[in-house]
C-alpha atoms as a PDB file:
ATOM      1  CA  MET A   1       9.045  30.881 -10.733  1.00  0.00           C
ATOM      2  CA  SER A   2      10.846  31.460  -7.452  1.00  0.00           C
ATOM      3  CA  ASN A   3      12.241  28.685  -5.272  1.00  0.00           C
ATOM      4  CA  ASP A   4       9.697  29.550  -2.596  1.00  0.00           C
ATOM      5  CA  ASN A   5       6.839  28.843  -5.008  1.00  0.00           C
ATOM      6  CA  VAL A   6       8.416  25.560  -6.063  1.00  0.00           C
ATOM      7  CA  ASN A   7       8.704  24.516  -2.429  1.00  0.00           C
ATOM      8  CA  THR A   8       5.009  25.088  -1.770  1.00  0.00           C
ATOM      9  CA  VAL A   9       3.994  22.488  -4.371  1.00  0.00           C
ATOM     10  CA  ARG A  10       6.733  19.904  -3.765  1.00  0.00           C
ATOM     11  CA  ARG A  11       5.368  16.777  -2.085  1.00  0.00           C
ATOM     12  CA  LEU A  12       7.148  14.446   0.307  1.00  0.00           C
ATOM     13  CA  VAL A  13       5.948  10.850   0.593  1.00  0.00           C
ATOM     14  CA  ILE A  14       6.702   9.025   3.851  1.00  0.00           C
ATOM     15  CA  ARG A  15       6.046   5.279   3.803  1.00  0.00           C
ATOM     16  CA  VAL A  16       5.856   3.538   7.172  1.00  0.00           C
ATOM     17  CA  SER A  17       5.475  -0.195   7.766  1.00  0.00           C
ATOM     18  CA  ARG A  18       6.385  -2.520  10.613  1.00  0.00           C
ATOM     19  CA  GLU A  19       9.950  -2.947   9.417  1.00  0.00           C
ATOM     20  CA  SER A  20      10.676  -0.114   7.003  1.00  0.00           C
ATOM     21  CA  LEU A  21      10.705   3.657   6.730  1.00  0.00           C
ATOM     22  CA  THR A  22      11.200   5.351   3.372  1.00  0.00           C
ATOM     23  CA  PHE A  23      11.080   8.874   1.980  1.00  0.00           C
ATOM     24  CA  SER A  24      10.560   9.972  -1.606  1.00  0.00           C
ATOM     25  CA  THR A  25       9.832  13.035  -3.680  1.00  0.00           C
ATOM     26  CA  THR A  26      10.262  14.273  -7.237  1.00  0.00           C
ATOM     27  CA  GLU A  27      13.156  16.399  -8.410  1.00  0.00           C
ATOM     28  CA  LYS A  28      13.123  17.639 -12.027  1.00  0.00           C
ATOM     29  CA  SER A  29      10.450  15.046 -12.934  1.00  0.00           C
ATOM     30  CA  GLU A  30      12.479  12.167 -11.462  1.00  0.00           C
ATOM     31  CA  VAL A  31      11.679  10.282  -8.273  1.00  0.00           C
ATOM     32  CA  VAL A  32      14.231  10.541  -5.490  1.00  0.00           C
ATOM     33  CA  TYR A  33      13.929   7.617  -3.075  1.00  0.00           C
ATOM     34  CA  GLU A  34      15.564   7.008   0.292  1.00  0.00           C
ATOM     35  CA  ALA A  35      15.201   3.881   2.441  1.00  0.00           C
ATOM     36  CA  TYR A  36      16.082   4.892   5.978  1.00  0.00           C
ATOM     37  CA  PRO A  37      18.229   2.385   7.963  1.00  0.00           C
ATOM     38  CA  LEU A  38      16.084   1.611  10.998  1.00  0.00           C
ATOM     39  CA  ASN A  39      17.433   1.261  14.512  1.00  0.00           C
ATOM     40  CA  SER A  40      15.437  -1.730  15.779  1.00  0.00           C
ATOM     41  CA  SER A  41      16.130  -0.879  19.420  1.00  0.00           C
ATOM     42  CA  ILE A  42      13.971   2.255  19.315  1.00  0.00           C
ATOM     43  CA  SER A  43      10.408   3.001  18.225  1.00  0.00           C
ATOM     44  CA  MET A  44       9.364   4.008  14.724  1.00  0.00           C
ATOM     45  CA  ALA A  45       8.580   7.477  16.065  1.00  0.00           C
ATOM     46  CA  ALA A  46      12.113   7.782  17.449  1.00  0.00           C
ATOM     47  CA  ASN A  47      13.547   6.601  14.133  1.00  0.00           C
ATOM     48  CA  LEU A  48      11.578   9.257  12.271  1.00  0.00           C
ATOM     49  CA  ARG A  49      12.672  11.905  14.746  1.00  0.00           C
ATOM     50  CA  GLU A  50      16.299  10.926  14.121  1.00  0.00           C
ATOM     51  CA  ALA A  51      15.725  10.897  10.351  1.00  0.00           C
ATOM     52  CA  LEU A  52      14.355  14.431  10.542  1.00  0.00           C
ATOM     53  CA  ARG A  53      17.654  15.436  12.084  1.00  0.00           C
ATOM     54  CA  THR A  54      19.975  13.590   9.692  1.00  0.00           C
ATOM     55  CA  SER A  55      18.233  12.972   6.340  1.00  0.00           C
ATOM     56  CA  GLU A  56      19.118  15.406   3.555  1.00  0.00           C
ATOM     57  CA  LEU A  57      15.805  14.665   1.839  1.00  0.00           C
ATOM     58  CA  LEU A  58      13.817  15.581   4.946  1.00  0.00           C
ATOM     59  CA  GLY A  59      15.795  18.769   5.358  1.00  0.00           C
ATOM     60  CA  LYS A  60      14.056  20.344   2.358  1.00  0.00           C
ATOM     61  CA  THR A  61      10.817  22.320   2.386  1.00  0.00           C
ATOM     62  CA  TYR A  62       7.604  20.646   1.244  1.00  0.00           C
ATOM     63  CA  GLY A  63       4.194  22.093   0.561  1.00  0.00           C
ATOM     64  CA  LYS A  64       2.435  18.750   1.051  1.00  0.00           C
ATOM     65  CA  VAL A  65       3.204  15.486   2.813  1.00  0.00           C
ATOM     66  CA  LEU A  66       1.630  12.116   2.080  1.00  0.00           C
ATOM     67  CA  VAL A  67       2.068   9.405   4.720  1.00  0.00           C
ATOM     68  CA  MET A  68       1.481   5.809   3.628  1.00  0.00           C
ATOM     69  CA  LEU A  69       0.812   3.499   6.572  1.00  0.00           C
ATOM     70  CA  GLY A  70       1.149  -0.284   6.767  1.00  0.00           C
ATOM     71  CA  SER A  71      -1.357  -0.722   9.596  1.00  0.00           C
ATOM     72  CA  PRO A  72      -4.366  -3.082   9.268  1.00  0.00           C
ATOM     73  CA  VAL A  73      -7.186  -1.725   7.088  1.00  0.00           C
ATOM     74  CA  LEU A  74     -10.952  -2.064   7.393  1.00  0.00           C
ATOM     75  CA  THR A  75     -12.905  -1.206   4.228  1.00  0.00           C
ATOM     76  CA  ILE A  76     -16.553  -0.152   4.464  1.00  0.00           C
ATOM     77  CA  PRO A  77     -18.963   0.805   1.637  1.00  0.00           C
ATOM     78  CA  THR A  78     -19.350   4.565   1.464  1.00  0.00           C
ATOM     79  CA  SER A  79     -23.104   4.341   2.024  1.00  0.00           C
ATOM     80  CA  LEU A  80     -22.578   2.491   5.337  1.00  0.00           C
ATOM     81  CA  PHE A  81     -19.730   4.599   6.706  1.00  0.00           C
ATOM     82  CA  ARG A  82     -20.331   6.701   9.808  1.00  0.00           C
ATOM     83  CA  GLU A  83     -17.309   8.617  11.069  1.00  0.00           C
ATOM     84  CA  GLU A  84     -18.549   8.568  14.664  1.00  0.00           C
ATOM     85  CA  GLU A  85     -18.543   4.760  14.559  1.00  0.00           C
ATOM     86  CA  GLN A  86     -15.182   4.207  12.881  1.00  0.00           C
ATOM     87  CA  GLU A  87     -13.099   3.803  16.045  1.00  0.00           C
ATOM     88  CA  LYS A  88     -15.471   1.257  17.591  1.00  0.00           C
ATOM     89  CA  GLN A  89     -15.635  -0.728  14.349  1.00  0.00           C
ATOM     90  CA  TYR A  90     -11.885  -0.688  13.859  1.00  0.00           C
ATOM     91  CA  ARG A  91     -10.959  -1.718  17.391  1.00  0.00           C
ATOM     92  CA  PHE A  92     -13.593  -4.467  17.337  1.00  0.00           C
ATOM     93  CA  THR A  93     -12.044  -5.838  14.125  1.00  0.00           C
ATOM     94  CA  PHE A  94      -8.372  -5.480  15.048  1.00  0.00           C
ATOM     95  CA  THR A  95      -6.960  -6.091  18.524  1.00  0.00           C
ATOM     96  CA  GLY A  96      -3.694  -4.730  19.873  1.00  0.00           C
ATOM     97  CA  GLN A  97      -4.338  -1.225  18.531  1.00  0.00           C
ATOM     98  CA  GLU A  98      -4.712   0.564  21.857  1.00  0.00           C
ATOM     99  CA  GLN A  99      -1.848   3.032  21.340  1.00  0.00           C
ATOM    100  CA  THR A 100      -3.101   4.226  17.974  1.00  0.00           C
ATOM    101  CA  VAL A 101      -5.254   6.962  16.491  1.00  0.00           C
ATOM    102  CA  VAL A 102      -7.931   5.694  14.094  1.00  0.00           C
ATOM    103  CA  MET A 103      -8.424   7.607  10.848  1.00  0.00           C
ATOM    104  CA  HIS A 104      -9.961   7.086   7.431  1.00  0.00           C
ATOM    105  CA  THR A 105      -9.651   8.011   3.786  1.00  0.00           C
ATOM    106  CA  VAL A 106     -12.335   7.952   1.103  1.00  0.00           C
ATOM    107  CA  LEU A 107     -11.663   5.859  -2.025  1.00  0.00           C
ATOM    108  CA  PRO A 108     -14.266   7.242  -4.434  1.00  0.00           C
ATOM    109  CA  ASP A 109     -13.372   5.035  -7.408  1.00  0.00           C
ATOM    110  CA  LEU A 110     -14.041   1.963  -5.234  1.00  0.00           C
ATOM    111  CA  ASN A 111     -17.101   3.471  -3.543  1.00  0.00           C
ATOM    112  CA  CYS A 112     -15.687   2.700  -0.099  1.00  0.00           C
ATOM    113  CA  VAL A 113     -13.904   4.164   2.902  1.00  0.00           C
ATOM    114  CA  ALA A 114     -10.656   2.699   4.228  1.00  0.00           C
ATOM    115  CA  ILE A 115     -10.263   2.851   8.011  1.00  0.00           C
ATOM    116  CA  PHE A 116      -6.746   2.408   9.403  1.00  0.00           C
ATOM    117  CA  SER A 117      -4.566   3.614  12.259  1.00  0.00           C
ATOM    118  CA  VAL A 118      -1.320   5.347  13.145  1.00  0.00           C
ATOM    119  CA  GLN A 119       0.731   5.032  16.327  1.00  0.00           C
ATOM    120  CA  LYS A 120       0.095   7.985  18.644  1.00  0.00           C
ATOM    121  CA  ASP A 121       3.768   8.831  19.139  1.00  0.00           C
ATOM    122  CA  LEU A 122       4.442   8.625  15.409  1.00  0.00           C
ATOM    123  CA  LEU A 123       1.515  10.932  14.693  1.00  0.00           C
ATOM    124  CA  THR A 124       2.910  13.445  17.176  1.00  0.00           C
ATOM    125  CA  VAL A 125       6.297  13.498  15.441  1.00  0.00           C
ATOM    126  CA  ILE A 126       4.693  13.911  12.006  1.00  0.00           C
ATOM    127  CA  SER A 127       2.287  16.616  13.170  1.00  0.00           C
ATOM    128  CA  ASP A 128       5.083  18.584  14.831  1.00  0.00           C
ATOM    129  CA  ALA A 129       7.313  18.419  11.744  1.00  0.00           C
ATOM    130  CA  PHE A 130       4.874  18.978   8.870  1.00  0.00           C
ATOM    131  CA  GLN A 131       1.725  20.781   7.816  1.00  0.00           C
ATOM    132  CA  GLN A 132      -0.828  19.711   5.177  1.00  0.00           C
ATOM    133  CA  VAL A 133      -0.384  16.002   5.876  1.00  0.00           C
ATOM    134  CA  ARG A 134      -2.579  13.346   4.281  1.00  0.00           C
ATOM    135  CA  PHE A 135      -2.634   9.710   5.429  1.00  0.00           C
ATOM    136  CA  ILE A 136      -3.492   6.622   3.334  1.00  0.00           C
ATOM    137  CA  PRO A 137      -2.950   2.836   3.580  1.00  0.00           C
ATOM    138  CA  VAL A 138       0.114   1.588   1.707  1.00  0.00           C
ATOM    139  CA  ALA A 139      -2.036  -0.606  -0.560  1.00  0.00           C
ATOM    140  CA  ALA A 140      -4.365   2.209  -1.696  1.00  0.00           C
ATOM    141  CA  PRO A 141      -2.409   3.117  -4.885  1.00  0.00           C
ATOM    142  CA  VAL A 142      -2.264  -0.581  -5.839  1.00  0.00           C
ATOM    143  CA  TRP A 143      -6.028  -0.981  -5.328  1.00  0.00           C
ATOM    144  CA  HIS A 144      -6.630   2.089  -7.471  1.00  0.00           C
ATOM    145  CA  HIS A 145      -4.371   0.959 -10.301  1.00  0.00           C
ATOM    146  CA  LEU A 146      -5.408  -2.711 -10.435  1.00  0.00           C
ATOM    147  CA  HIS A 147      -9.065  -1.739 -10.224  1.00  0.00           C
ATOM    148  CA  GLN A 148      -8.608   0.115 -13.508  1.00  0.00           C
ATOM    149  CA  ARG A 149      -6.937  -2.944 -15.014  1.00  0.00           C
ATOM    150  CA  SER A 150      -9.748  -5.223 -13.862  1.00  0.00           C
ATOM    151  CA  TYR A 151     -12.042  -3.934 -16.609  1.00  0.00           C
ATOM    152  CA  THR A 152      -9.991  -5.546 -19.395  1.00  0.00           C
ATOM    153  CA  GLY A 153     -11.128  -8.910 -20.800  1.00  0.00           C
ATOM    154  CA  THR A 154     -13.950 -11.239 -19.788  1.00  0.00           C
ATOM    155  CA  HIS A 155     -12.094 -13.368 -17.234  1.00  0.00           C
ATOM    156  CA  LYS A 156     -12.705 -12.797 -13.533  1.00  0.00           C
ATOM    157  CA  LYS A 157      -9.522 -11.633 -11.838  1.00  0.00           C
ATOM    158  CA  LEU A 158      -8.119 -12.154  -8.349  1.00  0.00           C
ATOM    159  CA  TYR A 159      -5.222  -9.911  -7.316  1.00  0.00           C
ATOM    160  CA  THR A 160      -2.543 -10.295  -4.677  1.00  0.00           C
ATOM    161  CA  TYR A 161      -0.092  -7.710  -3.429  1.00  0.00           C
ATOM    162  CA  PHE A 162       2.891  -8.830  -1.309  1.00  0.00           C
ATOM    163  CA  HIS A 163       4.562  -6.289   0.945  1.00  0.00           C
ATOM    164  CA  ASP A 164       6.126  -6.170   4.406  1.00  0.00           C
ATOM    165  CA  ARG A 165       5.514  -9.903   4.982  1.00  0.00           C
ATOM    166  CA  GLN A 166       1.821  -9.475   4.243  1.00  0.00           C
ATOM    167  CA  MET A 167      -0.345 -10.608   1.365  1.00  0.00           C
ATOM    168  CA  GLU A 168      -3.247  -8.419   0.291  1.00  0.00           C
ATOM    169  CA  VAL A 169      -5.882 -10.406  -1.643  1.00  0.00           C
ATOM    170  CA  PHE A 170      -8.668  -8.575  -3.454  1.00  0.00           C
ATOM    171  CA  CYS A 171     -10.974  -8.498  -6.450  1.00  0.00           C
ATOM    172  CA  PHE A 172     -13.544  -6.112  -7.843  1.00  0.00           C
ATOM    173  CA  THR A 173     -17.074  -6.000  -9.157  1.00  0.00           C
ATOM    174  CA  GLN A 174     -17.435  -2.923 -11.360  1.00  0.00           C
ATOM    175  CA  ASN A 175     -16.822   0.090  -9.087  1.00  0.00           C
ATOM    176  CA  ARG A 176     -16.360  -1.618  -5.737  1.00  0.00           C
ATOM    177  CA  PHE A 177     -14.516  -4.342  -3.886  1.00  0.00           C
ATOM    178  CA  LYS A 178     -16.037  -7.799  -4.149  1.00  0.00           C
ATOM    179  CA  PHE A 179     -13.435  -9.153  -1.722  1.00  0.00           C
ATOM    180  CA  SER A 180     -10.544  -7.643   0.226  1.00  0.00           C
ATOM    181  CA  ASN A 181      -8.476  -9.142   3.021  1.00  0.00           C
ATOM    182  CA  SER A 182      -4.916  -9.226   4.298  1.00  0.00           C
ATOM    183  CA  PHE A 183      -2.916 -12.189   5.576  1.00  0.00           C
ATOM    184  CA  ALA A 184       0.415 -12.462   7.366  1.00  0.00           C
ATOM    185  CA  VAL A 185       2.625 -14.777   5.306  1.00  0.00           C
ATOM    186  CA  ASN A 186       5.864 -16.336   6.518  1.00  0.00           C
ATOM    187  CA  ASN A 187       6.424 -18.763   3.618  1.00  0.00           C
ATOM    188  CA  PRO A 188       4.950 -19.731   0.206  1.00  0.00           C
ATOM    189  CA  ASN A 189       2.883 -22.533   1.747  1.00  0.00           C
ATOM    190  CA  ASP A 190       1.000 -20.030   3.918  1.00  0.00           C
ATOM    191  CA  ALA A 191       0.331 -17.845   0.904  1.00  0.00           C
ATOM    192  CA  LEU A 192      -0.864 -20.785  -1.192  1.00  0.00           C
ATOM    193  CA  TYR A 193      -3.218 -21.954   1.562  1.00  0.00           C
ATOM    194  CA  TYR A 194      -4.870 -18.549   1.900  1.00  0.00           C
ATOM    195  CA  LEU A 195      -5.006 -17.971  -1.858  1.00  0.00           C
ATOM    196  CA  LEU A 196      -6.703 -21.261  -2.639  1.00  0.00           C
ATOM    197  CA  GLY A 197      -9.148 -20.677   0.213  1.00  0.00           C
ATOM    198  CA  VAL A 198     -10.154 -17.305  -1.228  1.00  0.00           C
ATOM    199  CA  TRP A 199     -10.309 -18.740  -4.749  1.00  0.00           C
ATOM    200  CA  LYS A 200     -12.738 -21.418  -3.549  1.00  0.00           C
ATOM    201  CA  GLN A 201     -14.792 -18.953  -1.494  1.00  0.00           C
ATOM    202  CA  LEU A 202     -15.278 -16.750  -4.576  1.00  0.00           C
ATOM    203  CA  ALA A 203     -16.141 -19.795  -6.739  1.00  0.00           C
ATOM    204  CA  LEU A 204     -13.545 -18.839  -9.354  1.00  0.00           C
ATOM    205  CA  ASP A 205     -12.867 -21.200 -12.250  1.00  0.00           C
ATOM    206  CA  PRO A 206      -9.301 -22.658 -12.102  1.00  0.00           C
ATOM    207  CA  SER A 207      -9.321 -23.290 -15.861  1.00  0.00           C
ATOM    208  CA  TYR A 208     -10.661 -19.923 -16.988  1.00  0.00           C
ATOM    209  CA  ASP A 209     -10.278 -17.137 -14.411  1.00  0.00           C
ATOM    210  CA  GLU A 210      -7.028 -15.305 -13.692  1.00  0.00           C
ATOM    211  CA  LEU A 211      -4.710 -14.767 -10.731  1.00  0.00           C
ATOM    212  CA  TYR A 212      -2.291 -11.831 -10.634  1.00  0.00           C
ATOM    213  CA  LEU A 213       0.710 -11.759  -8.291  1.00  0.00           C
ATOM    214  CA  SER A 214       2.331  -8.402  -7.569  1.00  0.00           C
ATOM    215  CA  GLY A 215       4.742  -6.832  -5.132  1.00  0.00           C
ATOM    216  CA  ASP A 216       7.750  -8.292  -3.323  1.00  0.00           C
ATOM    217  CA  MET A 217       9.328 -10.726  -5.794  1.00  0.00           C
ATOM    218  CA  ARG A 218      11.030 -12.659  -2.992  1.00  0.00           C
ATOM    219  CA  GLU A 219       7.576 -13.800  -1.965  1.00  0.00           C
ATOM    220  CA  ILE A 220       6.189 -14.312  -5.461  1.00  0.00           C
ATOM    221  CA  GLU A 221       8.847 -16.371  -7.243  1.00  0.00           C
ATOM    222  CA  PRO A 222       8.597 -19.516  -5.070  1.00  0.00           C
ATOM    223  CA  LEU A 223       4.794 -19.214  -5.039  1.00  0.00           C
ATOM    224  CA  LEU A 224       4.363 -19.048  -8.800  1.00  0.00           C
ATOM    225  CA  THR A 225       5.234 -22.695  -9.481  1.00  0.00           C
ATOM    226  CA  GLU A 226       2.901 -23.955  -6.761  1.00  0.00           C
ATOM    227  CA  THR A 227      -0.118 -21.898  -7.790  1.00  0.00           C
ATOM    228  CA  GLN A 228       0.227 -23.031 -11.401  1.00  0.00           C
ATOM    229  CA  LYS A 229      -0.468 -26.580 -10.215  1.00  0.00           C
ATOM    230  CA  PHE A 230      -3.998 -25.493  -9.259  1.00  0.00           C
ATOM    231  CA  ILE A 231      -4.783 -22.418 -11.375  1.00  0.00           C
ATOM    232  CA  LYS A 232      -4.153 -22.336 -15.118  1.00  0.00           C
ATOM    233  CA  HIS A 233      -3.856 -18.585 -15.692  1.00  0.00           C
ATOM    234  CA  VAL A 234      -1.361 -17.117 -13.220  1.00  0.00           C
ATOM    235  CA  PHE A 235       0.463 -13.894 -14.067  1.00  0.00           C
ATOM    236  CA  VAL A 236       3.242 -11.965 -12.351  1.00  0.00           C
ATOM    237  CA  VAL A 237       2.887  -8.188 -12.578  1.00  0.00           C
ATOM    238  CA  ASN A 238       6.279  -6.848 -13.647  1.00  0.00           C
ATOM    239  CA  PRO A 239       6.473  -3.096 -12.917  1.00  0.00           C
ATOM    240  CA  SER A 240       9.166  -2.458 -15.523  1.00  0.00           C
ATOM    241  CA  GLY A 241       7.148  -3.993 -18.324  1.00  0.00           C
ATOM    242  CA  GLU A 242       3.867  -2.635 -17.019  1.00  0.00           C
ATOM    243  CA  PHE A 243       5.105   0.956 -16.947  1.00  0.00           C
ATOM    244  CA  ASN A 244       7.186   0.861 -20.125  1.00  0.00           C
ATOM    245  CA  HIS A 245      10.565   0.670 -18.350  1.00  0.00           C
ATOM    246  CA  ALA A 246      10.016   3.955 -16.502  1.00  0.00           C
ATOM    247  CA  ALA A 247      13.016   5.116 -14.480  1.00  0.00           C
ATOM    248  CA  ILE A 248      11.219   4.647 -11.162  1.00  0.00           C
ATOM    249  CA  THR A 249      10.895   0.905 -11.820  1.00  0.00           C
ATOM    250  CA  GLN A 250      14.692   0.641 -11.890  1.00  0.00           C
ATOM    251  CA  ILE A 251      15.108   1.961  -8.330  1.00  0.00           C
ATOM    252  CA  LYS A 252      16.395  -0.886  -6.188  1.00  0.00           C
ATOM    253  CA  ASP A 253      13.846  -2.359  -3.760  1.00  0.00           C
ATOM    254  CA  ILE A 254      11.261   0.399  -4.236  1.00  0.00           C
ATOM    255  CA  PRO A 255       7.818  -0.952  -3.214  1.00  0.00           C
ATOM    256  CA  TYR A 256       5.251  -1.511  -5.954  1.00  0.00           C
ATOM    257  CA  ASP A 257       2.769   0.730  -4.115  1.00  0.00           C
ATOM    258  CA  LEU A 258       5.152   3.677  -4.480  1.00  0.00           C
ATOM    259  CA  VAL A 259       5.669   2.899  -8.162  1.00  0.00           C
ATOM    260  CA  THR A 260       1.915   2.900  -8.797  1.00  0.00           C
ATOM    261  CA  LEU A 261       1.484   6.069  -6.734  1.00  0.00           C
ATOM    262  CA  TYR A 262       3.992   8.014  -8.828  1.00  0.00           C
ATOM    263  CA  MET A 263       2.941   6.488 -12.147  1.00  0.00           C
ATOM    264  CA  LYS A 264      -0.835   6.441 -11.732  1.00  0.00           C
ATOM    265  CA  GLY A 265      -1.640   8.693  -8.781  1.00  0.00           C
ATOM    266  CA  LEU A 266      -4.489   8.135  -6.357  1.00  0.00           C
END
């Protein structure tokens, strides 16, 4: 197979959040990961434009590009989704999104559509640099993976995913979300307050049902002790153990959503 043919199937993954910009791809079945050092004095679009000029990883040719975005997400059941209404619904739900383009992705295994947004200037940079670009929320691979895990056992399960100073809280009923929301968390007390509120709202049993904590361990470790005072079965999802010590789990500071994307797909 020629190098040109290899290039047409190679995929680049760009992950964008409020405070981070990363690039990853696979080389000889191994994940290559680069966390780009952001210049906080310029926009994310300007940072990406500079990365396109300087990053060795971005200098290669890719047949496909996946962009994972950390913007707020609105999930709607597939049966209720109308594309012509998505922008109105999104901007009614989330304020401060005036300089964005609203888009969506279908999550068939969860029978829903995720509506999210991308900054206009960032979209321009991406569109100018790449073809065959797909956009998804950063949490989508985690939803997909933990939804599959939710079928094991008889206990009801509530999941959290910590990333980029946010806490995603969600649970499932068969092939759909039963609950999904995101909270900004600045300390473990904030996280505990929101978690216990959701637990009560869902009428979960603190002696029987299960809570799973995943993602940024800096957020999880101080929270674990506090949640165990109220909920008996609390588990921390350890990517290394979960994925049989796969090499990608040993990459320093790689987000759990990227690990699940490469290990389980979407």
